[in-house]
């Protein structure tokens, strides 16, 4: 999915919601554990219920890798289901990869060729040669960690050099040289609030993937106030607040209702774009 197609989906559906499929075998309704593939069964129901209200899905690889081969098969089935049943939804593999060049080439091949997802989250700490292999794939997106939503972001990401440039600002400035707003997005946590204003001075037109709304306390209105662009420029993720909103047999129905509520809020914000 290219940039123009993504923007079209956002304005046609009046939403920029990304549903995080952080599917924990411990947290899903207990009766599902009798299924042959409980993770995929859960995901399928969540996807069917929320698809009208979102433009993207983001399975987090940790939740699938923790179950070994069975988990990875559930991940693969989830991706195939999305691609066949909901081909207009943007798929983000949240794997946070990033290693030396030849290893990154294998990660890129895994996710962009084998699984054929639209995008992959990348940790930029190892620099240019660890990121460029992902950028070789046309119409695929590299989503670079810039400023995250966890409290540990204070440990390194706000470190200032002698020119008072913070580390996350250095990441934003440097990585722009390797790609464009057609193939690079940035992760910026919703809990960072007004700092979105500083970020938009550096990357005025790039899409931002924004986790941290809901369970982590991020505020949608504040994110939109400081981070939204004329093209929207945001994919706002909600995971726990949607997929674990209910633990009964009504879990998918309630998840759909939560996604609808967020879509309604997002429609209001999109209407504010001049």
Foldseek 3Di string as FASTA:
>chain_A
DWPVLLLVVCVVLLALEEEELLDAPVQAFPVLVVDPQSSLVLLVLQCVLAVSQHQEYEYECVRQVVVPPSSVVSVLVSLVCCCVVPVRHAYEYEDAAWDAQVVLLVVLCCCCPVSNHQEYEYEQPVHDSRPLSNVVDPSHAYEYEQQELDPCSVVQQQDADPVRQGNSNVVLQVVCVRDHLGHYEYEHELNVFQCLQVVCVRVVQHAYEYEQPDPNDGDPVRCLVRHQDLSGSYRYYDYCVQQNVDRDPCSSVSSSVSSVVNSVVSSVSNVPRD
